[in-house]
C-alpha cells in the first residue's frame, strides 16, 4: 500500500523521476548485486539449500534486470528449476519455521514480486484504479524495487541465523546424573 501511495503522491507532486522505469532499472542492479554477493558468502559458509536457492534466485533476478536476449524466458525457467530444487530440499528448508523474522520477510518479498507482476500485466485495470493507465509501469517498478530491497534486507538478516544450529530446550539446572559424575 505504501508503494501505491508514494507513486500517487509523486505523481501529484510532479516528481516523476521517483517512479520512472529507467530510475528503477538502474537501482535494481546494485541492489541485486549486493544481495547476490551476501547470499553467495552465506552459501560458501554453510552450503545450506536455503542459501543456495536464495543465491540462485537473486542471481536470476540480477540477470533479468540486464534485459538481454533470453532473460524474459530465462527467469521463468530459473523459477521452475528453483521450485523443483525447493521441493527436493523441502526437509532441509523446514528450518525456516525456526526463523520467524526471515520467514515473514521472505513471504513479504515474494508477495511484493507477485503484486508487481500483477500490476505489470495491468491487473488493476479491472478495479478501475485511478490513473492506472498512466501509472501502472511506475507502480510495477516501485513494487519490484521494494521487493529487491527486501531481498537485500533478508540477505543481511540471514547472518543472524545459522542453518547448522538446532533449537535446544533451556535447562535451569544440570541433570542429577550428570552432576554425580
C-alpha atoms as a PDB file:
ATOM      1  CA  UNK A   1       0.000   0.000   0.000  1.00  0.00           C
ATOM      2  CA  UNK A   2       2.866   2.333   0.823  1.00  0.00           C
ATOM      3  CA  UNK A   3       4.305   1.873  -2.672  1.00  0.00           C
ATOM      4  CA  UNK A   4       0.995   2.826  -4.254  1.00  0.00           C
ATOM      5  CA  UNK A   5       0.616   5.891  -2.060  1.00  0.00           C
ATOM      6  CA  UNK A   6       4.146   7.116  -2.749  1.00  0.00           C
ATOM      7  CA  UNK A   7       3.682   6.732  -6.504  1.00  0.00           C
ATOM      8  CA  UNK A   8       0.422   8.696  -6.395  1.00  0.00           C
ATOM      9  CA  UNK A   9       1.995  11.369  -4.170  1.00  0.00           C
ATOM     10  CA  UNK A  10       4.970  11.639  -6.532  1.00  0.00           C
ATOM     11  CA  UNK A  11       2.610  11.892  -9.496  1.00  0.00           C
ATOM     12  CA  UNK A  12       0.577  14.727  -7.967  1.00  0.00           C
ATOM     13  CA  UNK A  13       3.740  16.471  -6.738  1.00  0.00           C
ATOM     14  CA  UNK A  14       5.217  16.307 -10.240  1.00  0.00           C
ATOM     15  CA  UNK A  15       8.202  14.219  -9.169  1.00  0.00           C
ATOM     16  CA  UNK A  16       8.057  11.694 -11.994  1.00  0.00           C
ATOM     17  CA  UNK A  17      11.672  10.603 -11.520  1.00  0.00           C
ATOM     18  CA  UNK A  18      10.560   8.675  -8.424  1.00  0.00           C
ATOM     19  CA  UNK A  19       8.555   6.175 -10.450  1.00  0.00           C
ATOM     20  CA  UNK A  20      10.282   6.275 -13.849  1.00  0.00           C
ATOM     21  CA  UNK A  21      11.246   2.887 -15.231  1.00  0.00           C
ATOM     22  CA  UNK A  22      14.817   3.998 -16.028  1.00  0.00           C
ATOM     23  CA  UNK A  23      15.432   5.064 -12.409  1.00  0.00           C
ATOM     24  CA  UNK A  24      14.365   1.685 -11.058  1.00  0.00           C
ATOM     25  CA  UNK A  25      16.209  -0.277 -13.738  1.00  0.00           C
ATOM     26  CA  UNK A  26      19.409   1.461 -12.640  1.00  0.00           C
ATOM     27  CA  UNK A  27      18.709   0.952  -8.906  1.00  0.00           C
ATOM     28  CA  UNK A  28      17.975  -2.746  -9.351  1.00  0.00           C
ATOM     29  CA  UNK A  29      21.488  -3.670 -10.480  1.00  0.00           C
ATOM     30  CA  UNK A  30      23.489  -2.598  -7.398  1.00  0.00           C
ATOM     31  CA  UNK A  31      20.732  -3.743  -5.021  1.00  0.00           C
ATOM     32  CA  UNK A  32      20.582  -7.236  -6.524  1.00  0.00           C
ATOM     33  CA  UNK A  33      24.357  -7.485  -6.983  1.00  0.00           C
ATOM     34  CA  UNK A  34      24.908  -6.702  -3.303  1.00  0.00           C
ATOM     35  CA  UNK A  35      22.228  -9.177  -2.224  1.00  0.00           C
ATOM     36  CA  UNK A  36      23.723 -11.814  -4.529  1.00  0.00           C
ATOM     37  CA  UNK A  37      27.203 -11.476  -3.017  1.00  0.00           C
ATOM     38  CA  UNK A  38      25.873 -11.562   0.558  1.00  0.00           C
ATOM     39  CA  UNK A  39      23.850 -14.709  -0.201  1.00  0.00           C
ATOM     40  CA  UNK A  40      26.842 -16.196  -2.027  1.00  0.00           C
ATOM     41  CA  UNK A  41      29.002 -15.631   1.069  1.00  0.00           C
ATOM     42  CA  UNK A  42      26.323 -17.372   3.172  1.00  0.00           C
ATOM     43  CA  UNK A  43      26.245 -20.256   0.696  1.00  0.00           C
ATOM     44  CA  UNK A  44      30.027 -20.612   0.830  1.00  0.00           C
ATOM     45  CA  UNK A  45      29.951 -20.567   4.628  1.00  0.00           C
ATOM     46  CA  UNK A  46      27.159 -23.076   5.277  1.00  0.00           C
ATOM     47  CA  UNK A  47      26.225 -24.666   1.930  1.00  0.00           C
ATOM     48  CA  UNK A  48      22.636 -24.954   3.105  1.00  0.00           C
ATOM     49  CA  UNK A  49      19.898 -25.436   0.464  1.00  0.00           C
ATOM     50  CA  UNK A  50      18.112 -22.261   1.632  1.00  0.00           C
ATOM     51  CA  UNK A  51      21.127 -20.099   0.871  1.00  0.00           C
ATOM     52  CA  UNK A  52      21.833 -21.929  -2.392  1.00  0.00           C
ATOM     53  CA  UNK A  53      18.259 -21.207  -3.522  1.00  0.00           C
ATOM     54  CA  UNK A  54      18.369 -17.560  -2.438  1.00  0.00           C
ATOM     55  CA  UNK A  55      21.723 -17.056  -4.170  1.00  0.00           C
ATOM     56  CA  UNK A  56      20.418 -18.577  -7.400  1.00  0.00           C
ATOM     57  CA  UNK A  57      17.134 -16.651  -7.195  1.00  0.00           C
ATOM     58  CA  UNK A  58      18.897 -13.334  -6.655  1.00  0.00           C
ATOM     59  CA  UNK A  59      21.312 -14.132  -9.486  1.00  0.00           C
ATOM     60  CA  UNK A  60      18.386 -14.918 -11.800  1.00  0.00           C
ATOM     61  CA  UNK A  61      16.700 -11.616 -10.894  1.00  0.00           C
ATOM     62  CA  UNK A  62      20.001  -9.792 -11.442  1.00  0.00           C
ATOM     63  CA  UNK A  63      20.434 -11.237 -14.931  1.00  0.00           C
ATOM     64  CA  UNK A  64      16.779 -10.486 -15.683  1.00  0.00           C
ATOM     65  CA  UNK A  65      17.388  -6.821 -14.844  1.00  0.00           C
ATOM     66  CA  UNK A  66      20.091  -6.632 -17.529  1.00  0.00           C
ATOM     67  CA  UNK A  67      17.323  -7.255 -20.088  1.00  0.00           C
ATOM     68  CA  UNK A  68      19.461  -9.033 -22.644  1.00  0.00           C
ATOM     69  CA  UNK A  69      18.148 -11.637 -25.056  1.00  0.00           C
ATOM     70  CA  UNK A  70      16.741 -14.718 -23.361  1.00  0.00           C
ATOM     71  CA  UNK A  71      16.250 -13.279 -19.889  1.00  0.00           C
ATOM     72  CA  UNK A  72      12.492 -12.843 -20.304  1.00  0.00           C
ATOM     73  CA  UNK A  73      12.067 -16.588 -20.811  1.00  0.00           C
ATOM     74  CA  UNK A  74      15.086 -17.453 -18.695  1.00  0.00           C
ATOM     75  CA  UNK A  75      13.595 -16.073 -15.489  1.00  0.00           C
ATOM     76  CA  UNK A  76      10.618 -18.424 -15.809  1.00  0.00           C
ATOM     77  CA  UNK A  77      12.909 -21.386 -16.485  1.00  0.00           C
ATOM     78  CA  UNK A  78      15.029 -20.412 -13.474  1.00  0.00           C
ATOM     79  CA  UNK A  79      11.946 -20.137 -11.260  1.00  0.00           C
ATOM     80  CA  UNK A  80      10.764 -23.605 -12.312  1.00  0.00           C
ATOM     81  CA  UNK A  81      14.210 -25.127 -11.675  1.00  0.00           C
ATOM     82  CA  UNK A  82      14.407 -23.414  -8.280  1.00  0.00           C
ATOM     83  CA  UNK A  83      10.894 -24.616  -7.397  1.00  0.00           C
ATOM     84  CA  UNK A  84      11.888 -28.194  -8.257  1.00  0.00           C
ATOM     85  CA  UNK A  85      15.029 -27.878  -6.117  1.00  0.00           C
ATOM     86  CA  UNK A  86      12.998 -26.384  -3.261  1.00  0.00           C
ATOM     87  CA  UNK A  87      10.622 -29.340  -3.465  1.00  0.00           C
ATOM     88  CA  UNK A  88      13.564 -31.739  -3.448  1.00  0.00           C
ATOM     89  CA  UNK A  89      15.098 -29.964  -0.439  1.00  0.00           C
ATOM     90  CA  UNK A  90      11.821 -29.396   1.424  1.00  0.00           C
ATOM     91  CA  UNK A  91      13.033 -31.220   4.559  1.00  0.00           C
ATOM     92  CA  UNK A  92      16.123 -29.016   4.840  1.00  0.00           C
ATOM     93  CA  UNK A  93      14.008 -25.910   4.196  1.00  0.00           C
ATOM     94  CA  UNK A  94      11.811 -26.653   7.221  1.00  0.00           C
ATOM     95  CA  UNK A  95      14.450 -24.837   9.262  1.00  0.00           C
ATOM     96  CA  UNK A  96      12.721 -21.640   8.121  1.00  0.00           C
ATOM     97  CA  UNK A  97       9.998 -22.389  10.662  1.00  0.00           C
ATOM     98  CA  UNK A  98      12.579 -21.622  13.370  1.00  0.00           C
ATOM     99  CA  UNK A  99      13.458 -18.262  11.792  1.00  0.00           C
ATOM    100  CA  UNK A 100      10.232 -16.330  12.064  1.00  0.00           C
ATOM    101  CA  UNK A 101      11.561 -12.878  11.006  1.00  0.00           C
ATOM    102  CA  UNK A 102      13.278 -14.317   7.942  1.00  0.00           C
ATOM    103  CA  UNK A 103      10.196 -16.353   7.032  1.00  0.00           C
ATOM    104  CA  UNK A 104       7.977 -13.256   7.262  1.00  0.00           C
ATOM    105  CA  UNK A 105      10.337 -11.119   5.167  1.00  0.00           C
ATOM    106  CA  UNK A 106      10.650 -13.832   2.510  1.00  0.00           C
ATOM    107  CA  UNK A 107       6.879 -14.104   2.295  1.00  0.00           C
ATOM    108  CA  UNK A 108       6.572 -10.309   2.036  1.00  0.00           C
ATOM    109  CA  UNK A 109       9.207 -10.198  -0.735  1.00  0.00           C
ATOM    110  CA  UNK A 110       7.527 -12.953  -2.760  1.00  0.00           C
ATOM    111  CA  UNK A 111       4.104 -11.340  -2.373  1.00  0.00           C
ATOM    112  CA  UNK A 112       5.557  -7.990  -3.452  1.00  0.00           C
ATOM    113  CA  UNK A 113       7.148  -9.585  -6.531  1.00  0.00           C
ATOM    114  CA  UNK A 114       3.799 -11.201  -7.309  1.00  0.00           C
ATOM    115  CA  UNK A 115       1.969  -7.902  -6.900  1.00  0.00           C
ATOM    116  CA  UNK A 116       4.484  -6.192  -9.174  1.00  0.00           C
ATOM    117  CA  UNK A 117       3.825  -8.777 -11.883  1.00  0.00           C
ATOM    118  CA  UNK A 118       0.060  -8.421 -11.396  1.00  0.00           C
ATOM    119  CA  UNK A 119       0.487  -4.662 -11.817  1.00  0.00           C
ATOM    120  CA  UNK A 120       2.714  -5.091 -14.888  1.00  0.00           C
ATOM    121  CA  UNK A 121       0.004  -7.183 -16.515  1.00  0.00           C
ATOM    122  CA  UNK A 122      -2.473  -4.377 -15.753  1.00  0.00           C
ATOM    123  CA  UNK A 123      -4.435  -6.405 -13.239  1.00  0.00           C
ATOM    124  CA  UNK A 124      -5.692  -3.274 -11.500  1.00  0.00           C
ATOM    125  CA  UNK A 125      -7.430  -2.169 -14.679  1.00  0.00           C
ATOM    126  CA  UNK A 126     -10.357  -4.376 -13.607  1.00  0.00           C
ATOM    127  CA  UNK A 127     -10.647  -2.465 -10.316  1.00  0.00           C
ATOM    128  CA  UNK A 128     -10.661   0.883 -12.147  1.00  0.00           C
ATOM    129  CA  UNK A 129      -7.738   2.134 -10.088  1.00  0.00           C
ATOM    130  CA  UNK A 130      -7.469   5.908 -10.664  1.00  0.00           C
ATOM    131  CA  UNK A 131      -4.807   6.803 -13.247  1.00  0.00           C
ATOM    132  CA  UNK A 132      -3.981   3.093 -13.700  1.00  0.00           C
ATOM    133  CA  UNK A 133      -3.124   3.521 -17.368  1.00  0.00           C
ATOM    134  CA  UNK A 134      -0.676   6.364 -16.693  1.00  0.00           C
ATOM    135  CA  UNK A 135       0.894   4.858 -13.588  1.00  0.00           C
ATOM    136  CA  UNK A 136       0.893   1.065 -13.989  1.00  0.00           C
ATOM    137  CA  UNK A 137       4.519   0.977 -15.205  1.00  0.00           C
ATOM    138  CA  UNK A 138       5.643   3.231 -12.372  1.00  0.00           C
ATOM    139  CA  UNK A 139       3.691   1.218  -9.826  1.00  0.00           C
ATOM    140  CA  UNK A 140       5.207  -2.017 -11.112  1.00  0.00           C
ATOM    141  CA  UNK A 141       8.742  -0.626 -10.984  1.00  0.00           C
ATOM    142  CA  UNK A 142       8.372   0.756  -7.445  1.00  0.00           C
ATOM    143  CA  UNK A 143       6.911  -2.557  -6.244  1.00  0.00           C
ATOM    144  CA  UNK A 144       9.695  -4.515  -7.914  1.00  0.00           C
ATOM    145  CA  UNK A 145      12.368  -2.285  -6.389  1.00  0.00           C
ATOM    146  CA  UNK A 146      10.676  -2.711  -2.999  1.00  0.00           C
ATOM    147  CA  UNK A 147      10.916  -6.481  -3.409  1.00  0.00           C
ATOM    148  CA  UNK A 148      14.583  -6.184  -4.429  1.00  0.00           C
ATOM    149  CA  UNK A 149      15.233  -4.144  -1.279  1.00  0.00           C
ATOM    150  CA  UNK A 150      13.507  -6.814   0.787  1.00  0.00           C
ATOM    151  CA  UNK A 151      15.810  -9.463  -0.718  1.00  0.00           C
ATOM    152  CA  UNK A 152      18.777  -7.280   0.189  1.00  0.00           C
ATOM    153  CA  UNK A 153      17.485  -6.851   3.747  1.00  0.00           C
ATOM    154  CA  UNK A 154      16.889 -10.603   4.045  1.00  0.00           C
ATOM    155  CA  UNK A 155      20.444 -11.269   2.868  1.00  0.00           C
ATOM    156  CA  UNK A 156      21.809  -9.280   5.800  1.00  0.00           C
ATOM    157  CA  UNK A 157      19.178 -10.658   8.179  1.00  0.00           C
ATOM    158  CA  UNK A 158      20.243 -14.192   7.260  1.00  0.00           C
ATOM    159  CA  UNK A 159      23.563 -13.700   9.045  1.00  0.00           C
ATOM    160  CA  UNK A 160      21.686 -13.690  12.372  1.00  0.00           C
ATOM    161  CA  UNK A 161      20.676 -17.299  11.826  1.00  0.00           C
ATOM    162  CA  UNK A 162      22.618 -20.483  11.343  1.00  0.00           C
ATOM    163  CA  UNK A 163      21.311 -23.410   9.366  1.00  0.00           C
ATOM    164  CA  UNK A 164      23.561 -25.630  11.470  1.00  0.00           C
ATOM    165  CA  UNK A 165      22.126 -24.666  14.835  1.00  0.00           C
ATOM    166  CA  UNK A 166      19.244 -26.609  16.280  1.00  0.00           C
ATOM    167  CA  UNK A 167      16.906 -25.217  18.886  1.00  0.00           C
ATOM    168  CA  UNK A 168      17.686 -26.797  22.239  1.00  0.00           C
ATOM    169  CA  UNK A 169      15.482 -26.533  25.293  1.00  0.00           C
ATOM    170  CA  UNK A 170      16.860 -24.332  28.050  1.00  0.00           C
ATOM    171  CA  UNK A 171      17.540 -26.037  31.379  1.00  0.00           C
ATOM    172  CA  UNK A 172      17.946 -24.221  34.650  1.00  0.00           C
ATOM    173  CA  UNK A 173      19.929 -26.892  36.451  1.00  0.00           C
ATOM    174  CA  UNK A 174      22.187 -29.711  35.314  1.00  0.00           C
ATOM    175  CA  UNK A 175      20.723 -33.202  35.334  1.00  0.00           C
ATOM    176  CA  UNK A 176      21.408 -35.005  38.614  1.00  0.00           C
ATOM    177  CA  UNK A 177      23.059 -37.930  36.790  1.00  0.00           C
ATOM    178  CA  UNK A 178      25.430 -35.527  35.077  1.00  0.00           C
ATOM    179  CA  UNK A 179      26.264 -33.724  38.304  1.00  0.00           C
ATOM    180  CA  UNK A 180      27.119 -37.021  40.032  1.00  0.00           C
ATOM    181  CA  UNK A 181      29.896 -37.639  37.542  1.00  0.00           C
END
